[in-house]
Amino acid sequence: MFVSLVKQYEDVLYRTASRLLNNDEDLADAMQDAFISAYEKLHTLKNDEYFNTWICKILIYK
């Protein structure tokens, strides 16, 4: 299930990260960190409908 969510939201996170970071390596690291954190904290997501917002916040505030 999580792998399908990663594939579904990879482009969204990429666009979000590219607005915040200039370096491709930093962008890739930020995305990887966001996905790892999201996987570790998936149990805290209260409503599946908000996964997009939730993971974008993880990316931004990480």
PDB file of N, CA and C in Angstrom:
ATOM      1  N   MET A   1       0.822  -1.197   0.000  1.00  0.00           N
ATOM      2  CA  MET A   1       0.000   0.000   0.000  1.00  0.00           C
ATOM      3  C   MET A   1       0.867   1.263   0.000  1.00  0.00           C
ATOM      4  N   PHE A   2       1.869   1.309   0.853  1.00  0.00           N
ATOM      5  CA  PHE A   2       2.686   2.520   0.940  1.00  0.00           C
ATOM      6  C   PHE A   2       3.437   2.778  -0.358  1.00  0.00           C
ATOM      7  N   VAL A   3       3.892   1.725  -1.004  1.00  0.00           N
ATOM      8  CA  VAL A   3       4.626   1.878  -2.270  1.00  0.00           C
ATOM      9  C   VAL A   3       3.733   2.525  -3.321  1.00  0.00           C
ATOM     10  N   SER A   4       2.485   2.157  -3.360  1.00  0.00           N
ATOM     11  CA  SER A   4       1.575   2.775  -4.334  1.00  0.00           C
ATOM     12  C   SER A   4       1.336   4.245  -4.014  1.00  0.00           C
ATOM     13  N   LEU A   5       1.304   4.588  -2.732  1.00  0.00           N
ATOM     14  CA  LEU A   5       1.167   5.996  -2.354  1.00  0.00           C
ATOM     15  C   LEU A   5       2.402   6.792  -2.753  1.00  0.00           C
ATOM     16  N   VAL A   6       3.581   6.205  -2.579  1.00  0.00           N
ATOM     17  CA  VAL A   6       4.829   6.863  -2.977  1.00  0.00           C
ATOM     18  C   VAL A   6       4.801   7.152  -4.473  1.00  0.00           C
ATOM     19  N   LYS A   7       4.423   6.162  -5.254  1.00  0.00           N
ATOM     20  CA  LYS A   7       4.362   6.349  -6.705  1.00  0.00           C
ATOM     21  C   LYS A   7       3.334   7.402  -7.086  1.00  0.00           C
ATOM     22  N   GLN A   8       2.217   7.402  -6.384  1.00  0.00           N
ATOM     23  CA  GLN A   8       1.135   8.343  -6.693  1.00  0.00           C
ATOM     24  C   GLN A   8       1.515   9.787  -6.380  1.00  0.00           C
ATOM     25  N   TYR A   9       2.260  10.006  -5.303  1.00  0.00           N
ATOM     26  CA  TYR A   9       2.552  11.361  -4.857  1.00  0.00           C
ATOM     27  C   TYR A   9       3.986  11.813  -5.111  1.00  0.00           C
ATOM     28  N   GLU A  10       4.762  11.008  -5.804  1.00  0.00           N
ATOM     29  CA  GLU A  10       6.153  11.352  -6.088  1.00  0.00           C
ATOM     30  C   GLU A  10       6.260  12.659  -6.873  1.00  0.00           C
ATOM     31  N   ASP A  11       5.427  12.832  -7.886  1.00  0.00           N
ATOM     32  CA  ASP A  11       5.469  14.061  -8.688  1.00  0.00           C
ATOM     33  C   ASP A  11       5.060  15.285  -7.874  1.00  0.00           C
ATOM     34  N   VAL A  12       4.076  15.113  -7.023  1.00  0.00           N
ATOM     35  CA  VAL A  12       3.623  16.224  -6.171  1.00  0.00           C
ATOM     36  C   VAL A  12       4.752  16.668  -5.246  1.00  0.00           C
ATOM     37  N   LEU A  13       5.420  15.701  -4.614  1.00  0.00           N
ATOM     38  CA  LEU A  13       6.523  16.042  -3.720  1.00  0.00           C
ATOM     39  C   LEU A  13       7.688  16.651  -4.483  1.00  0.00           C
ATOM     40  N   TYR A  14       7.943  16.147  -5.682  1.00  0.00           N
ATOM     41  CA  TYR A  14       9.032  16.698  -6.486  1.00  0.00           C
ATOM     42  C   TYR A  14       8.771  18.169  -6.803  1.00  0.00           C
ATOM     43  N   ARG A  15       7.565  18.478  -7.233  1.00  0.00           N
ATOM     44  CA  ARG A  15       7.234  19.878  -7.556  1.00  0.00           C
ATOM     45  C   ARG A  15       7.323  20.767  -6.310  1.00  0.00           C
ATOM     46  N   THR A  16       6.855  20.264  -5.183  1.00  0.00           N
ATOM     47  CA  THR A  16       6.925  21.031  -3.941  1.00  0.00           C
ATOM     48  C   THR A  16       8.374  21.263  -3.528  1.00  0.00           C
ATOM     49  N   ALA A  17       9.171  20.216  -3.562  1.00  0.00           N
ATOM     50  CA  ALA A  17      10.574  20.331  -3.170  1.00  0.00           C
ATOM     51  C   ALA A  17      11.352  21.225  -4.122  1.00  0.00           C
ATOM     52  N   SER A  18      11.028  21.182  -5.411  1.00  0.00           N
ATOM     53  CA  SER A  18      11.763  21.996  -6.383  1.00  0.00           C
ATOM     54  C   SER A  18      11.503  23.487  -6.190  1.00  0.00           C
ATOM     55  N   ARG A  19      10.379  23.826  -5.594  1.00  0.00           N
ATOM     56  CA  ARG A  19      10.102  25.242  -5.286  1.00  0.00           C
ATOM     57  C   ARG A  19      10.919  25.724  -4.099  1.00  0.00           C
ATOM     58  N   LEU A  20      11.300  24.782  -3.240  1.00  0.00           N
ATOM     59  CA  LEU A  20      12.003  25.143  -2.015  1.00  0.00           C
ATOM     60  C   LEU A  20      13.519  25.018  -2.130  1.00  0.00           C
ATOM     61  N   LEU A  21      13.985  24.127  -2.981  1.00  0.00           N
ATOM     62  CA  LEU A  21      15.407  23.809  -3.049  1.00  0.00           C
ATOM     63  C   LEU A  21      15.931  24.011  -4.466  1.00  0.00           C
ATOM     64  N   ASN A  22      17.169  24.445  -4.570  1.00  0.00           N
ATOM     65  CA  ASN A  22      17.761  24.700  -5.882  1.00  0.00           C
ATOM     66  C   ASN A  22      18.618  23.534  -6.367  1.00  0.00           C
ATOM     67  N   ASN A  23      19.175  22.788  -5.464  1.00  0.00           N
ATOM     68  CA  ASN A  23      20.117  21.734  -5.783  1.00  0.00           C
ATOM     69  C   ASN A  23      19.377  20.400  -5.936  1.00  0.00           C
ATOM     70  N   ASP A  24      19.643  19.678  -7.037  1.00  0.00           N
ATOM     71  CA  ASP A  24      18.970  18.399  -7.279  1.00  0.00           C
ATOM     72  C   ASP A  24      19.277  17.361  -6.207  1.00  0.00           C
ATOM     73  N   GLU A  25      20.492  17.373  -5.686  1.00  0.00           N
ATOM     74  CA  GLU A  25      20.852  16.415  -4.635  1.00  0.00           C
ATOM     75  C   GLU A  25      20.081  16.696  -3.355  1.00  0.00           C
ATOM     76  N   ASP A  26      19.952  17.977  -3.001  1.00  0.00           N
ATOM     77  CA  ASP A  26      19.177  18.353  -1.815  1.00  0.00           C
ATOM     78  C   ASP A  26      17.707  17.990  -1.999  1.00  0.00           C
ATOM     79  N   LEU A  27      17.213  18.184  -3.201  1.00  0.00           N
ATOM     80  CA  LEU A  27      15.829  17.871  -3.515  1.00  0.00           C
ATOM     81  C   LEU A  27      15.579  16.370  -3.347  1.00  0.00           C
ATOM     82  N   ALA A  28      16.470  15.553  -3.882  1.00  0.00           N
ATOM     83  CA  ALA A  28      16.326  14.096  -3.751  1.00  0.00           C
ATOM     84  C   ALA A  28      16.414  13.657  -2.290  1.00  0.00           C
ATOM     85  N   ASP A  29      17.331  14.251  -1.544  1.00  0.00           N
ATOM     86  CA  ASP A  29      17.458  13.925  -0.121  1.00  0.00           C
ATOM     87  C   ASP A  29      16.195  14.304   0.644  1.00  0.00           C
ATOM     88  N   ALA A  30      15.650  15.473   0.345  1.00  0.00           N
ATOM     89  CA  ALA A  30      14.444  15.933   1.035  1.00  0.00           C
ATOM     90  C   ALA A  30      13.262  15.009   0.751  1.00  0.00           C
ATOM     91  N   MET A  31      13.133  14.590  -0.497  1.00  0.00           N
ATOM     92  CA  MET A  31      12.047  13.679  -0.849  1.00  0.00           C
ATOM     93  C   MET A  31      12.219  12.335  -0.145  1.00  0.00           C
ATOM     94  N   GLN A  32      13.431  11.833  -0.142  1.00  0.00           N
ATOM     95  CA  GLN A  32      13.696  10.554   0.518  1.00  0.00           C
ATOM     96  C   GLN A  32      13.399  10.644   2.011  1.00  0.00           C
ATOM     97  N   ASP A  33      13.853  11.718   2.644  1.00  0.00           N
ATOM     98  CA  ASP A  33      13.590  11.908   4.068  1.00  0.00           C
ATOM     99  C   ASP A  33      12.089  11.994   4.352  1.00  0.00           C
ATOM    100  N   ALA A  34      11.364  12.684   3.476  1.00  0.00           N
ATOM    101  CA  ALA A  34       9.916  12.821   3.662  1.00  0.00           C
ATOM    102  C   ALA A  34       9.223  11.466   3.564  1.00  0.00           C
ATOM    103  N   PHE A  35       9.617  10.653   2.582  1.00  0.00           N
ATOM    104  CA  PHE A  35       8.997   9.342   2.439  1.00  0.00           C
ATOM    105  C   PHE A  35       9.329   8.427   3.611  1.00  0.00           C
ATOM    106  N   ILE A  36      10.556   8.489   4.089  1.00  0.00           N
ATOM    107  CA  ILE A  36      10.940   7.669   5.245  1.00  0.00           C
ATOM    108  C   ILE A  36      10.161   8.100   6.483  1.00  0.00           C
ATOM    109  N   SER A  37      10.096   9.403   6.722  1.00  0.00           N
ATOM    110  CA  SER A  37       9.341   9.906   7.876  1.00  0.00           C
ATOM    111  C   SER A  37       7.867   9.549   7.772  1.00  0.00           C
ATOM    112  N   ALA A  38       7.317   9.676   6.579  1.00  0.00           N
ATOM    113  CA  ALA A  38       5.905   9.351   6.379  1.00  0.00           C
ATOM    114  C   ALA A  38       5.659   7.877   6.658  1.00  0.00           C
ATOM    115  N   TYR A  39       6.560   7.020   6.214  1.00  0.00           N
ATOM    116  CA  TYR A  39       6.401   5.584   6.467  1.00  0.00           C
ATOM    117  C   TYR A  39       6.439   5.288   7.968  1.00  0.00           C
ATOM    118  N   GLU A  40       7.365   5.924   8.652  1.00  0.00           N
ATOM    119  CA  GLU A  40       7.505   5.694  10.093  1.00  0.00           C
ATOM    120  C   GLU A  40       6.324   6.247  10.886  1.00  0.00           C
ATOM    121  N   LYS A  41       5.689   7.295  10.368  1.00  0.00           N
ATOM    122  CA  LYS A  41       4.602   7.959  11.092  1.00  0.00           C
ATOM    123  C   LYS A  41       3.235   7.717  10.470  1.00  0.00           C
ATOM    124  N   LEU A  42       3.141   6.763   9.558  1.00  0.00           N
ATOM    125  CA  LEU A  42       1.883   6.519   8.855  1.00  0.00           C
ATOM    126  C   LEU A  42       0.725   6.245   9.810  1.00  0.00           C
ATOM    127  N   HIS A  43       1.022   5.640  10.936  1.00  0.00           N
ATOM    128  CA  HIS A  43      -0.024   5.337  11.922  1.00  0.00           C
ATOM    129  C   HIS A  43      -0.646   6.603  12.526  1.00  0.00           C
ATOM    130  N   THR A  44       0.019   7.753  12.386  1.00  0.00           N
ATOM    131  CA  THR A  44      -0.519   8.995  12.950  1.00  0.00           C
ATOM    132  C   THR A  44      -1.471   9.706  11.989  1.00  0.00           C
ATOM    133  N   LEU A  45      -1.518   9.273  10.739  1.00  0.00           N
ATOM    134  CA  LEU A  45      -2.427   9.879   9.762  1.00  0.00           C
ATOM    135  C   LEU A  45      -3.856   9.491  10.120  1.00  0.00           C
ATOM    136  N   LYS A  46      -4.667  10.480  10.438  1.00  0.00           N
ATOM    137  CA  LYS A  46      -6.013  10.208  10.934  1.00  0.00           C
ATOM    138  C   LYS A  46      -7.024   9.962   9.819  1.00  0.00           C
ATOM    139  N   ASN A  47      -6.798  10.585   8.668  1.00  0.00           N
ATOM    140  CA  ASN A  47      -7.750  10.461   7.570  1.00  0.00           C
ATOM    141  C   ASN A  47      -6.968  10.286   6.270  1.00  0.00           C
ATOM    142  N   ASP A  48      -7.172   9.189   5.584  1.00  0.00           N
ATOM    143  CA  ASP A  48      -6.434   8.893   4.358  1.00  0.00           C
ATOM    144  C   ASP A  48      -6.612   9.960   3.282  1.00  0.00           C
ATOM    145  N   GLU A  49      -7.733  10.668   3.318  1.00  0.00           N
ATOM    146  CA  GLU A  49      -8.002  11.709   2.328  1.00  0.00           C
ATOM    147  C   GLU A  49      -6.978  12.844   2.395  1.00  0.00           C
ATOM    148  N   TYR A  50      -6.314  13.001   3.520  1.00  0.00           N
ATOM    149  CA  TYR A  50      -5.385  14.101   3.705  1.00  0.00           C
ATOM    150  C   TYR A  50      -3.922  13.686   3.534  1.00  0.00           C
ATOM    151  N   PHE A  51      -3.693  12.513   2.936  1.00  0.00           N
ATOM    152  CA  PHE A  51      -2.315  12.042   2.760  1.00  0.00           C
ATOM    153  C   PHE A  51      -1.467  13.052   2.003  1.00  0.00           C
ATOM    154  N   ASN A  52      -1.988  13.625   0.938  1.00  0.00           N
ATOM    155  CA  ASN A  52      -1.234  14.593   0.134  1.00  0.00           C
ATOM    156  C   ASN A  52      -0.776  15.781   0.977  1.00  0.00           C
ATOM    157  N   THR A  53      -1.682  16.383   1.689  1.00  0.00           N
ATOM    158  CA  THR A  53      -1.354  17.529   2.545  1.00  0.00           C
ATOM    159  C   THR A  53      -0.378  17.119   3.635  1.00  0.00           C
ATOM    160  N   TRP A  54      -0.623  15.983   4.231  1.00  0.00           N
ATOM    161  CA  TRP A  54       0.196  15.475   5.328  1.00  0.00           C
ATOM    162  C   TRP A  54       1.636  15.257   4.889  1.00  0.00           C
ATOM    163  N   ILE A  55       1.848  14.581   3.765  1.00  0.00           N
ATOM    164  CA  ILE A  55       3.203  14.290   3.330  1.00  0.00           C
ATOM    165  C   ILE A  55       3.916  15.552   2.828  1.00  0.00           C
ATOM    166  N   CYS A  56       3.174  16.480   2.250  1.00  0.00           N
ATOM    167  CA  CYS A  56       3.782  17.758   1.835  1.00  0.00           C
ATOM    168  C   CYS A  56       4.246  18.546   3.057  1.00  0.00           C
ATOM    169  N   LYS A  57       3.477  18.520   4.123  1.00  0.00           N
ATOM    170  CA  LYS A  57       3.896  19.199   5.363  1.00  0.00           C
ATOM    171  C   LYS A  57       5.150  18.540   5.931  1.00  0.00           C
ATOM    172  N   ILE A  58       5.217  17.221   5.856  1.00  0.00           N
ATOM    173  CA  ILE A  58       6.425  16.530   6.317  1.00  0.00           C
ATOM    174  C   ILE A  58       7.626  16.992   5.517  1.00  0.00           C
ATOM    175  N   LEU A  59       7.468  17.088   4.209  1.00  0.00           N
ATOM    176  CA  LEU A  59       8.553  17.539   3.344  1.00  0.00           C
ATOM    177  C   LEU A  59       8.986  18.957   3.683  1.00  0.00           C
ATOM    178  N   ILE A  60       8.043  19.832   3.848  1.00  0.00           N
ATOM    179  CA  ILE A  60       8.345  21.243   4.084  1.00  0.00           C
ATOM    180  C   ILE A  60       8.997  21.461   5.440  1.00  0.00           C
ATOM    181  N   TYR A  61       8.487  20.804   6.466  1.00  0.00           N
ATOM    182  CA  TYR A  61       8.972  21.066   7.821  1.00  0.00           C
ATOM    183  C   TYR A  61      10.095  20.152   8.263  1.00  0.00           C
ATOM    184  N   LYS A  62      10.527  19.244   7.428  1.00  0.00           N
ATOM    185  CA  LYS A  62      11.604  18.309   7.767  1.00  0.00           C
ATOM    186  C   LYS A  62      12.941  18.996   7.686  1.00  0.00           C
TER     187      LYS A  62
END
